[in-house]
Structures are given as structure tokens and as C-alpha cells.
Amino acid sequence: MDVTATHWINSAAGISPALDLIMISVTKFGVPLLIACVVLQWWSRTDRTHVRHAAIAAGLSFLIGLGANQISLLFVHRVRPYDAGVTHLIIPASADWSFPSDHATAAFAIVAAFALQALPGRALIFGAVAVLICWSRLFVGTHYVTDVLGGALTGIAAAVLVRALYREDSRLDRLATSIL
């Protein structure tokens, strides 16, 4: 089922130059755009301290999630779908293993951090962008569906961990959220 779903999503690649360009752009710029949006939250006009706490939590979740991915890559050596003949790659090949998706981890770490801080409007907007990023990774042919799901779960788990360990209004939080 994983191979079938991955192949089905990727089957549209190469048919429409405009759609290819959009998906390649989302793959290339989606995560940096999310990061920029998180950084811009620092200057929120409403509930500034709480939103700053969420932005810090998102950054920590992002870093912990990507760190966990690097550990996973030591043990899980999944061949990329384009190397297995499942997908047609329309971006340059990746040098690392397929599972889990770093893009999905990064995007969903940010989404989950804002969701766990009870900022549903921001979480929904970031979530829509995260889903588009994940879809683009499948479209361009660089991941299997389960790579993306695994990455998303890693990002969510990192956000849950940060939520449990980094408390709002702690001494460290008050210091960090008062910067600038």
C-alpha cells in the first residue's frame, strides 16, 4: 500500500511544468518559509509573551525532532523510492536514507508546538503549509508515504517532549521571552 500510494502521488510529476515548478518550490522553500513565520511570531501584537513561548517551543521541537531523525538514520537504512524504481525524481537526488522525512519532521514539530500551546489559528495555518510540504516531498519523488508519516510523528513527539519539559513562565522562559 505504501508503494502504491507513493507511486500514485508521484505519477503527476513531469506532466505539468507549472505544477512541477510549484511542488519543487514548496519542497525547496516550504520549511524555510515556516521558520521565517515562526521567527515573525516574536513580534506578535497579541498575547506576546505566550506567543514567544510557543515560538521558542517550536524551535526546540524542530531541533529535537531533527536530532532524533539523525539517530534514526543510524539504524534505519531505507532506500529512496526513486532508487527502488517506485518514483520519478524531479529534483536532485538526496545523499541520505529515506526514512524519516526531515521536511515532515521539521514542519510538524512547528505545527504541534503551536497546537500544544493552544494557538489554534496559527497551528491551522502552519498545518496547511506542513501538509503541502509533505505532499510535495511525495510529488517530487523523494519519499515514501510512510517516510512522511514517520517524520510527522517524530516532529509531534518532539513537540510533546518540549511541552513536558519547557514550562511557560519558568525562570528560563521569562528570560528567553523578554529578549528584544
N, C-alpha and C. Protein backbone atom coordinates (compact mmCIF):
# COMPACT_ATOMS: atom_id res chain seq x y z
N MET A 1 0.82 -1.19 0.00
CA MET A 1 0.00 0.00 0.00
C MET A 1 0.87 1.27 0.00
N ASP A 2 1.98 1.24 0.74
CA ASP A 2 2.89 2.38 0.80
C ASP A 2 3.44 2.70 -0.59
N VAL A 3 3.89 1.67 -1.28
CA VAL A 3 4.44 1.85 -2.63
C VAL A 3 3.36 2.36 -3.58
N THR A 4 2.16 1.79 -3.48
CA THR A 4 1.06 2.18 -4.37
C THR A 4 0.69 3.65 -4.16
N ALA A 5 0.52 4.06 -2.91
CA ALA A 5 0.16 5.45 -2.61
C ALA A 5 1.26 6.40 -3.04
N THR A 6 2.50 6.04 -2.77
CA THR A 6 3.64 6.88 -3.15
C THR A 6 3.69 7.04 -4.66
N HIS A 7 3.54 5.93 -5.39
CA HIS A 7 3.57 5.96 -6.85
C HIS A 7 2.42 6.79 -7.40
N TRP A 8 1.24 6.64 -6.80
CA TRP A 8 0.05 7.38 -7.27
C TRP A 8 0.26 8.89 -7.14
N ILE A 9 0.78 9.34 -5.97
CA ILE A 9 1.01 10.78 -5.77
C ILE A 9 2.08 11.29 -6.72
N ASN A 10 3.13 10.51 -6.91
CA ASN A 10 4.24 10.92 -7.77
C ASN A 10 3.90 10.83 -9.26
N SER A 11 2.85 10.10 -9.59
CA SER A 11 2.53 9.89 -11.01
C SER A 11 2.18 11.19 -11.75
N ALA A 12 1.82 12.22 -11.02
CA ALA A 12 1.52 13.51 -11.65
C ALA A 12 2.78 14.31 -11.97
N ALA A 13 3.91 13.92 -11.41
CA ALA A 13 5.17 14.64 -11.64
C ALA A 13 5.60 14.50 -13.09
N GLY A 14 6.02 15.60 -13.65
CA GLY A 14 6.51 15.60 -15.02
C GLY A 14 5.44 15.83 -16.07
N ILE A 15 4.18 15.91 -15.67
CA ILE A 15 3.08 16.11 -16.63
C ILE A 15 2.84 17.59 -16.89
N SER A 16 2.84 18.38 -15.84
CA SER A 16 2.58 19.82 -15.96
C SER A 16 3.79 20.59 -15.45
N PRO A 17 4.47 21.32 -16.35
CA PRO A 17 5.62 22.11 -15.90
C PRO A 17 5.26 23.11 -14.79
N ALA A 18 4.06 23.68 -14.85
CA ALA A 18 3.65 24.66 -13.84
C ALA A 18 3.49 23.98 -12.47
N LEU A 19 2.83 22.82 -12.46
CA LEU A 19 2.64 22.09 -11.21
C LEU A 19 3.98 21.59 -10.67
N ASP A 20 4.84 21.12 -11.55
CA ASP A 20 6.18 20.70 -11.13
C ASP A 20 6.93 21.85 -10.47
N LEU A 21 6.87 23.02 -11.07
CA LEU A 21 7.56 24.19 -10.52
C LEU A 21 7.00 24.55 -9.14
N ILE A 22 5.69 24.49 -8.99
CA ILE A 22 5.07 24.80 -7.70
C ILE A 22 5.54 23.80 -6.64
N MET A 23 5.48 22.52 -6.96
CA MET A 23 5.85 21.50 -5.98
C MET A 23 7.34 21.53 -5.66
N ILE A 24 8.16 21.78 -6.64
CA ILE A 24 9.60 21.91 -6.39
C ILE A 24 9.86 23.12 -5.49
N SER A 25 9.15 24.20 -5.73
CA SER A 25 9.30 25.41 -4.90
C SER A 25 8.86 25.15 -3.46
N VAL A 26 7.74 24.43 -3.31
CA VAL A 26 7.26 24.10 -1.96
C VAL A 26 8.28 23.22 -1.24
N THR A 27 8.83 22.23 -1.96
CA THR A 27 9.84 21.36 -1.37
C THR A 27 11.08 22.15 -0.96
N LYS A 28 11.46 23.08 -1.80
CA LYS A 28 12.69 23.84 -1.57
C LYS A 28 12.53 24.94 -0.51
N PHE A 29 11.39 25.64 -0.54
CA PHE A 29 11.24 26.83 0.30
C PHE A 29 10.21 26.68 1.42
N GLY A 30 9.49 25.57 1.47
CA GLY A 30 8.43 25.41 2.47
C GLY A 30 8.90 25.47 3.90
N VAL A 31 9.91 24.69 4.24
CA VAL A 31 10.41 24.68 5.62
C VAL A 31 11.07 26.03 5.96
N PRO A 32 11.92 26.60 5.10
CA PRO A 32 12.44 27.93 5.44
C PRO A 32 11.35 28.99 5.61
N LEU A 33 10.27 28.88 4.83
CA LEU A 33 9.15 29.80 4.99
C LEU A 33 8.47 29.62 6.35
N LEU A 34 8.27 28.37 6.76
CA LEU A 34 7.70 28.11 8.09
C LEU A 34 8.59 28.67 9.19
N ILE A 35 9.88 28.48 9.05
CA ILE A 35 10.83 29.00 10.04
C ILE A 35 10.72 30.53 10.11
N ALA A 36 10.66 31.17 8.96
CA ALA A 36 10.52 32.64 8.92
C ALA A 36 9.22 33.08 9.59
N CYS A 37 8.15 32.33 9.37
CA CYS A 37 6.87 32.66 10.01
C CYS A 37 6.95 32.50 11.52
N VAL A 38 7.66 31.49 11.99
CA VAL A 38 7.84 31.32 13.43
C VAL A 38 8.65 32.48 13.99
N VAL A 39 9.70 32.86 13.32
CA VAL A 39 10.52 33.99 13.77
C VAL A 39 9.68 35.27 13.84
N LEU A 40 8.82 35.47 12.85
CA LEU A 40 7.97 36.67 12.85
C LEU A 40 6.97 36.69 14.00
N GLN A 41 6.67 35.53 14.56
CA GLN A 41 5.75 35.46 15.70
C GLN A 41 6.32 36.20 16.91
N TRP A 42 7.62 36.38 16.93
CA TRP A 42 8.28 37.06 18.05
C TRP A 42 7.69 38.45 18.27
N TRP A 43 7.24 39.08 17.20
CA TRP A 43 6.72 40.44 17.27
C TRP A 43 5.19 40.46 17.20
N SER A 44 4.58 39.41 17.70
CA SER A 44 3.12 39.33 17.73
C SER A 44 2.54 40.48 18.54
N ARG A 45 1.43 41.00 18.07
CA ARG A 45 0.79 42.11 18.77
C ARG A 45 -0.15 41.62 19.87
N THR A 46 -0.58 40.37 19.78
CA THR A 46 -1.50 39.84 20.78
C THR A 46 -0.82 38.74 21.59
N ASP A 47 -1.02 38.80 22.89
CA ASP A 47 -0.52 37.78 23.81
C ASP A 47 0.97 37.48 23.55
N ARG A 48 1.73 38.54 23.48
CA ARG A 48 3.13 38.47 23.06
C ARG A 48 3.97 37.45 23.82
N THR A 49 3.90 37.42 25.13
CA THR A 49 4.73 36.51 25.91
C THR A 49 4.38 35.06 25.62
N HIS A 50 3.09 34.76 25.54
CA HIS A 50 2.66 33.39 25.26
C HIS A 50 3.06 32.96 23.84
N VAL A 51 2.91 33.83 22.88
CA VAL A 51 3.29 33.51 21.50
C VAL A 51 4.80 33.35 21.40
N ARG A 52 5.54 34.16 22.13
CA ARG A 52 7.00 33.99 22.15
C ARG A 52 7.38 32.65 22.75
N HIS A 53 6.70 32.26 23.81
CA HIS A 53 6.94 30.94 24.40
C HIS A 53 6.69 29.85 23.36
N ALA A 54 5.60 29.97 22.61
CA ALA A 54 5.27 28.99 21.56
C ALA A 54 6.35 28.97 20.48
N ALA A 55 6.86 30.13 20.10
CA ALA A 55 7.90 30.19 19.08
C ALA A 55 9.18 29.50 19.56
N ILE A 56 9.53 29.70 20.83
CA ILE A 56 10.70 29.03 21.39
C ILE A 56 10.46 27.52 21.43
N ALA A 57 9.27 27.13 21.86
CA ALA A 57 8.92 25.71 21.90
C ALA A 57 8.98 25.10 20.50
N ALA A 58 8.55 25.84 19.50
CA ALA A 58 8.61 25.35 18.12
C ALA A 58 10.06 25.15 17.68
N GLY A 59 10.91 26.10 18.02
CA GLY A 59 12.33 25.97 17.67
C GLY A 59 12.99 24.78 18.35
N LEU A 60 12.69 24.60 19.63
CA LEU A 60 13.25 23.45 20.36
C LEU A 60 12.71 22.13 19.79
N SER A 61 11.44 22.10 19.49
CA SER A 61 10.82 20.89 18.91
C SER A 61 11.46 20.56 17.57
N PHE A 62 11.66 21.57 16.77
CA PHE A 62 12.30 21.44 15.46
C PHE A 62 13.68 20.80 15.62
N LEU A 63 14.48 21.35 16.53
CA LEU A 63 15.85 20.85 16.72
C LEU A 63 15.87 19.43 17.29
N ILE A 64 15.03 19.17 18.27
CA ILE A 64 14.99 17.83 18.87
C ILE A 64 14.49 16.81 17.86
N GLY A 65 13.47 17.17 17.09
CA GLY A 65 12.95 16.26 16.05
C GLY A 65 14.00 15.92 15.01
N LEU A 66 14.71 16.92 14.53
CA LEU A 66 15.74 16.66 13.52
C LEU A 66 16.91 15.88 14.12
N GLY A 67 17.21 16.12 15.38
CA GLY A 67 18.24 15.33 16.07
C GLY A 67 17.84 13.87 16.18
N ALA A 68 16.58 13.64 16.52
CA ALA A 68 16.07 12.26 16.59
C ALA A 68 16.14 11.58 15.22
N ASN A 69 15.87 12.34 14.17
CA ASN A 69 15.99 11.78 12.81
C ASN A 69 17.40 11.32 12.52
N GLN A 70 18.37 12.09 12.94
CA GLN A 70 19.76 11.71 12.68
C GLN A 70 20.12 10.42 13.41
N ILE A 71 19.58 10.25 14.60
CA ILE A 71 19.80 9.00 15.32
C ILE A 71 19.10 7.85 14.60
N SER A 72 17.87 8.07 14.13
CA SER A 72 17.13 7.04 13.39
C SER A 72 17.88 6.59 12.15
N LEU A 73 18.51 7.55 11.47
CA LEU A 73 19.23 7.22 10.24
C LEU A 73 20.41 6.29 10.48
N LEU A 74 20.90 6.22 11.71
CA LEU A 74 21.99 5.29 12.03
C LEU A 74 21.51 3.84 12.01
N PHE A 75 20.21 3.66 12.25
CA PHE A 75 19.67 2.31 12.38
C PHE A 75 18.73 1.89 11.25
N VAL A 76 18.07 2.86 10.63
CA VAL A 76 17.10 2.55 9.57
C VAL A 76 17.68 3.01 8.24
N HIS A 77 17.97 2.06 7.38
CA HIS A 77 18.58 2.36 6.08
C HIS A 77 17.59 2.05 4.97
N ARG A 78 16.62 2.92 4.80
CA ARG A 78 15.60 2.71 3.78
C ARG A 78 16.02 3.42 2.50
N VAL A 79 16.03 2.67 1.43
CA VAL A 79 16.39 3.19 0.12
C VAL A 79 15.32 4.18 -0.35
N ARG A 80 15.75 5.24 -0.99
CA ARG A 80 14.82 6.23 -1.53
C ARG A 80 13.94 5.59 -2.60
N PRO A 81 12.70 6.06 -2.75
CA PRO A 81 11.79 5.43 -3.72
C PRO A 81 12.26 5.55 -5.17
N TYR A 82 12.98 6.61 -5.50
CA TYR A 82 13.48 6.74 -6.86
C TYR A 82 14.59 5.73 -7.14
N ASP A 83 15.36 5.36 -6.11
CA ASP A 83 16.40 4.33 -6.28
C ASP A 83 15.79 2.94 -6.40
N ALA A 84 14.58 2.78 -5.84
CA ALA A 84 13.89 1.49 -5.91
C ALA A 84 13.00 1.39 -7.15
N GLY A 85 12.99 2.43 -7.97
CA GLY A 85 12.17 2.41 -9.19
C GLY A 85 10.70 2.68 -8.96
N VAL A 86 10.36 3.21 -7.80
CA VAL A 86 8.95 3.46 -7.47
C VAL A 86 8.50 4.83 -7.97
N THR A 87 9.39 5.81 -7.91
CA THR A 87 9.02 7.18 -8.29
C THR A 87 9.94 7.73 -9.37
N HIS A 88 9.44 8.78 -9.99
CA HIS A 88 10.20 9.56 -10.97
C HIS A 88 10.67 10.82 -10.25
N LEU A 89 11.97 10.96 -10.07
CA LEU A 89 12.54 12.07 -9.33
C LEU A 89 12.64 13.31 -10.21
N ILE A 90 12.13 14.44 -9.71
CA ILE A 90 12.20 15.68 -10.50
C ILE A 90 13.03 16.77 -9.81
N ILE A 91 13.76 16.38 -8.76
CA ILE A 91 14.72 17.27 -8.09
C ILE A 91 16.03 16.51 -7.97
N PRO A 92 17.11 17.18 -7.58
CA PRO A 92 18.37 16.45 -7.41
C PRO A 92 18.25 15.36 -6.34
N ALA A 93 18.97 14.28 -6.54
CA ALA A 93 18.93 13.14 -5.61
C ALA A 93 19.49 13.53 -4.24
N SER A 94 19.01 12.85 -3.22
CA SER A 94 19.46 13.06 -1.85
C SER A 94 20.57 12.07 -1.51
N ALA A 95 21.46 12.47 -0.64
CA ALA A 95 22.59 11.60 -0.30
C ALA A 95 22.32 10.71 0.91
N ASP A 96 21.23 10.96 1.64
CA ASP A 96 20.97 10.17 2.84
C ASP A 96 19.81 9.19 2.63
N TRP A 97 19.47 8.46 3.67
CA TRP A 97 18.41 7.47 3.60
C TRP A 97 17.04 8.15 3.60
N SER A 98 16.04 7.38 3.24
CA SER A 98 14.70 7.91 3.04
C SER A 98 13.89 8.13 4.31
N PHE A 99 14.04 7.24 5.29
CA PHE A 99 13.20 7.29 6.49
C PHE A 99 13.97 7.83 7.68
N PRO A 100 13.39 8.76 8.41
CA PRO A 100 12.15 9.52 8.22
C PRO A 100 12.42 10.80 7.44
N SER A 101 11.35 11.44 7.02
CA SER A 101 11.47 12.68 6.26
C SER A 101 11.80 13.85 7.18
N ASP A 102 12.94 14.49 6.93
CA ASP A 102 13.31 15.67 7.72
C ASP A 102 12.33 16.82 7.50
N HIS A 103 11.86 16.97 6.26
CA HIS A 103 10.91 18.05 5.97
C HIS A 103 9.64 17.87 6.80
N ALA A 104 9.12 16.64 6.84
CA ALA A 104 7.89 16.38 7.61
C ALA A 104 8.13 16.57 9.09
N THR A 105 9.28 16.13 9.58
CA THR A 105 9.61 16.31 10.99
C THR A 105 9.66 17.78 11.35
N ALA A 106 10.37 18.56 10.58
CA ALA A 106 10.51 19.99 10.86
C ALA A 106 9.15 20.69 10.82
N ALA A 107 8.38 20.42 9.78
CA ALA A 107 7.10 21.10 9.63
C ALA A 107 6.13 20.73 10.74
N PHE A 108 6.02 19.45 11.06
CA PHE A 108 5.06 19.04 12.07
C PHE A 108 5.53 19.32 13.49
N ALA A 109 6.82 19.47 13.71
CA ALA A 109 7.30 19.92 15.02
C ALA A 109 6.79 21.33 15.28
N ILE A 110 6.83 22.17 14.28
CA ILE A 110 6.35 23.55 14.40
C ILE A 110 4.84 23.57 14.62
N VAL A 111 4.11 22.83 13.81
CA VAL A 111 2.65 22.78 13.92
C VAL A 111 2.24 22.29 15.31
N ALA A 112 2.83 21.19 15.74
CA ALA A 112 2.46 20.60 17.03
C ALA A 112 2.81 21.53 18.19
N ALA A 113 3.93 22.22 18.10
CA ALA A 113 4.31 23.15 19.17
C ALA A 113 3.27 24.24 19.33
N PHE A 114 2.81 24.81 18.23
CA PHE A 114 1.78 25.86 18.32
C PHE A 114 0.43 25.29 18.73
N ALA A 115 0.11 24.09 18.29
CA ALA A 115 -1.15 23.45 18.70
C ALA A 115 -1.14 23.15 20.19
N LEU A 116 -0.03 22.66 20.71
CA LEU A 116 0.07 22.33 22.13
C LEU A 116 0.08 23.57 23.02
N GLN A 117 0.35 24.71 22.44
CA GLN A 117 0.33 25.97 23.20
C GLN A 117 -1.03 26.66 23.06
N ALA A 118 -2.01 25.93 22.54
CA ALA A 118 -3.38 26.44 22.40
C ALA A 118 -3.44 27.70 21.54
N LEU A 119 -2.76 27.64 20.41
CA LEU A 119 -2.82 28.71 19.42
C LEU A 119 -3.37 28.11 18.12
N PRO A 120 -4.67 27.81 18.11
CA PRO A 120 -5.25 27.04 17.01
C PRO A 120 -5.21 27.74 15.66
N GLY A 121 -5.36 29.05 15.62
CA GLY A 121 -5.32 29.75 14.34
C GLY A 121 -3.96 29.60 13.66
N ARG A 122 -2.93 29.83 14.42
CA ARG A 122 -1.58 29.68 13.88
C ARG A 122 -1.30 28.22 13.54
N ALA A 123 -1.72 27.31 14.40
CA ALA A 123 -1.49 25.88 14.16
C ALA A 123 -2.18 25.42 12.88
N LEU A 124 -3.38 25.91 12.62
CA LEU A 124 -4.10 25.53 11.39
C LEU A 124 -3.39 26.04 10.13
N ILE A 125 -2.96 27.28 10.19
CA ILE A 125 -2.25 27.85 9.03
C ILE A 125 -0.93 27.11 8.81
N PHE A 126 -0.16 26.92 9.88
CA PHE A 126 1.09 26.18 9.77
C PHE A 126 0.83 24.74 9.34
N GLY A 127 -0.27 24.17 9.83
CA GLY A 127 -0.63 22.80 9.47
C GLY A 127 -0.92 22.65 7.98
N ALA A 128 -1.62 23.62 7.42
CA ALA A 128 -1.90 23.57 5.98
C ALA A 128 -0.60 23.62 5.17
N VAL A 129 0.31 24.47 5.60
CA VAL A 129 1.61 24.56 4.92
C VAL A 129 2.39 23.25 5.11
N ALA A 130 2.33 22.67 6.30
CA ALA A 130 3.03 21.41 6.57
C ALA A 130 2.50 20.28 5.69
N VAL A 131 1.20 20.18 5.54
CA VAL A 131 0.62 19.15 4.68
C VAL A 131 1.08 19.35 3.24
N LEU A 132 1.10 20.60 2.79
CA LEU A 132 1.57 20.89 1.42
C LEU A 132 3.04 20.51 1.26
N ILE A 133 3.85 20.79 2.26
CA ILE A 133 5.27 20.40 2.20
C ILE A 133 5.40 18.89 2.10
N CYS A 134 4.66 18.18 2.93
CA CYS A 134 4.72 16.71 2.92
C CYS A 134 4.25 16.16 1.57
N TRP A 135 3.18 16.71 1.05
CA TRP A 135 2.68 16.28 -0.26
C TRP A 135 3.74 16.53 -1.34
N SER A 136 4.42 17.66 -1.24
CA SER A 136 5.45 17.99 -2.25
C SER A 136 6.60 16.98 -2.22
N ARG A 137 6.94 16.49 -1.03
CA ARG A 137 8.03 15.52 -0.92
C ARG A 137 7.67 14.21 -1.61
N LEU A 138 6.39 13.86 -1.57
CA LEU A 138 5.91 12.68 -2.29
C LEU A 138 5.83 12.96 -3.78
N PHE A 139 5.31 14.12 -4.12
CA PHE A 139 5.15 14.51 -5.53
C PHE A 139 6.48 14.51 -6.27
N VAL A 140 7.51 15.11 -5.66
CA VAL A 140 8.80 15.22 -6.35
C VAL A 140 9.55 13.90 -6.42
N GLY A 141 9.07 12.89 -5.67
CA GLY A 141 9.62 11.55 -5.77
C GLY A 141 10.71 11.19 -4.79
N THR A 142 10.87 11.97 -3.75
CA THR A 142 11.99 11.73 -2.84
C THR A 142 11.66 10.91 -1.59
N HIS A 143 10.36 10.71 -1.31
CA HIS A 143 9.96 9.95 -0.12
C HIS A 143 8.79 9.03 -0.39
N TYR A 144 8.69 8.00 0.45
CA TYR A 144 7.51 7.15 0.53
C TYR A 144 6.51 7.83 1.48
N VAL A 145 5.25 7.44 1.40
CA VAL A 145 4.23 7.97 2.31
C VAL A 145 4.62 7.69 3.76
N THR A 146 5.11 6.50 4.05
CA THR A 146 5.47 6.18 5.44
C THR A 146 6.70 6.96 5.93
N ASP A 147 7.55 7.40 5.04
CA ASP A 147 8.66 8.28 5.43
C ASP A 147 8.11 9.59 5.98
N VAL A 148 7.12 10.12 5.28
CA VAL A 148 6.49 11.38 5.67
C VAL A 148 5.71 11.20 6.97
N LEU A 149 4.97 10.11 7.08
CA LEU A 149 4.22 9.85 8.31
C LEU A 149 5.17 9.67 9.50
N GLY A 150 6.25 8.94 9.29
CA GLY A 150 7.24 8.76 10.35
C GLY A 150 7.87 10.07 10.76
N GLY A 151 8.17 10.91 9.79
CA GLY A 151 8.72 12.23 10.10
C GLY A 151 7.74 13.10 10.86
N ALA A 152 6.48 13.07 10.43
CA ALA A 152 5.46 13.85 11.13
C ALA A 152 5.31 13.39 12.58
N LEU A 153 5.30 12.09 12.79
CA LEU A 153 5.19 11.56 14.15
C LEU A 153 6.41 11.93 15.00
N THR A 154 7.58 11.93 14.40
CA THR A 154 8.79 12.35 15.12
C THR A 154 8.68 13.81 15.54
N GLY A 155 8.22 14.66 14.63
CA GLY A 155 8.05 16.08 14.95
C GLY A 155 7.03 16.30 16.05
N ILE A 156 5.92 15.57 15.99
CA ILE A 156 4.89 15.69 17.02
C ILE A 156 5.42 15.20 18.37
N ALA A 157 6.14 14.08 18.36
CA ALA A 157 6.71 13.55 19.60
C ALA A 157 7.70 14.54 20.21
N ALA A 158 8.49 15.19 19.36
CA ALA A 158 9.45 16.19 19.86
C ALA A 158 8.70 17.35 20.51
N ALA A 159 7.61 17.77 19.90
CA ALA A 159 6.82 18.88 20.47
C ALA A 159 6.19 18.48 21.80
N VAL A 160 5.72 17.24 21.91
CA VAL A 160 5.16 16.76 23.17
C VAL A 160 6.24 16.74 24.25
N LEU A 161 7.43 16.30 23.89
CA LEU A 161 8.55 16.29 24.85
C LEU A 161 8.88 17.71 25.32
N VAL A 162 8.97 18.63 24.37
CA VAL A 162 9.27 20.02 24.73
C VAL A 162 8.16 20.59 25.61
N ARG A 163 6.92 20.27 25.30
CA ARG A 163 5.79 20.75 26.10
C ARG A 163 5.92 20.25 27.55
N ALA A 164 6.37 19.02 27.71
CA ALA A 164 6.51 18.45 29.05
C ALA A 164 7.69 19.04 29.82
N LEU A 165 8.75 19.43 29.12
CA LEU A 165 9.97 19.87 29.80
C LEU A 165 10.19 21.38 29.86
N TYR A 166 9.66 22.10 28.91
CA TYR A 166 9.88 23.56 28.85
C TYR A 166 8.60 24.26 29.27
N ARG A 167 8.56 24.68 30.49
CA ARG A 167 7.36 25.25 31.09
C ARG A 167 7.25 26.75 30.86
N GLU A 168 6.05 27.17 30.53
CA GLU A 168 5.79 28.58 30.37
C GLU A 168 5.87 29.27 31.72
N ASP A 169 6.41 30.46 31.74
CA ASP A 169 6.57 31.30 32.91
C ASP A 169 7.59 30.77 33.91
N SER A 170 8.43 29.83 33.48
CA SER A 170 9.56 29.42 34.31
C SER A 170 10.61 30.53 34.26
N ARG A 171 11.60 30.47 35.09
CA ARG A 171 12.65 31.48 35.10
C ARG A 171 13.33 31.55 33.73
N LEU A 172 13.65 30.37 33.16
CA LEU A 172 14.27 30.33 31.84
C LEU A 172 13.35 30.92 30.78
N ASP A 173 12.08 30.59 30.85
CA ASP A 173 11.12 31.12 29.87
C ASP A 173 10.98 32.63 29.98
N ARG A 174 10.89 33.13 31.19
CA ARG A 174 10.79 34.58 31.36
C ARG A 174 12.02 35.29 30.79
N LEU A 175 13.19 34.71 31.00
CA LEU A 175 14.41 35.30 30.44
C LEU A 175 14.38 35.25 28.92
N ALA A 176 14.04 34.11 28.36
CA ALA A 176 14.07 33.94 26.90
C ALA A 176 13.01 34.79 26.22
N THR A 177 11.81 34.86 26.76
CA THR A 177 10.75 35.62 26.10
C THR A 177 10.90 37.13 26.27
N SER A 178 11.79 37.56 27.13
CA SER A 178 11.99 39.01 27.33
C SER A 178 13.05 39.59 26.39
N ILE A 179 13.70 38.74 25.61
CA ILE A 179 14.74 39.21 24.69
C ILE A 179 14.07 40.02 23.59
N LEU A 180 14.65 41.17 23.27
CA LEU A 180 14.15 42.11 22.27
C LEU A 180 12.86 42.71 22.75
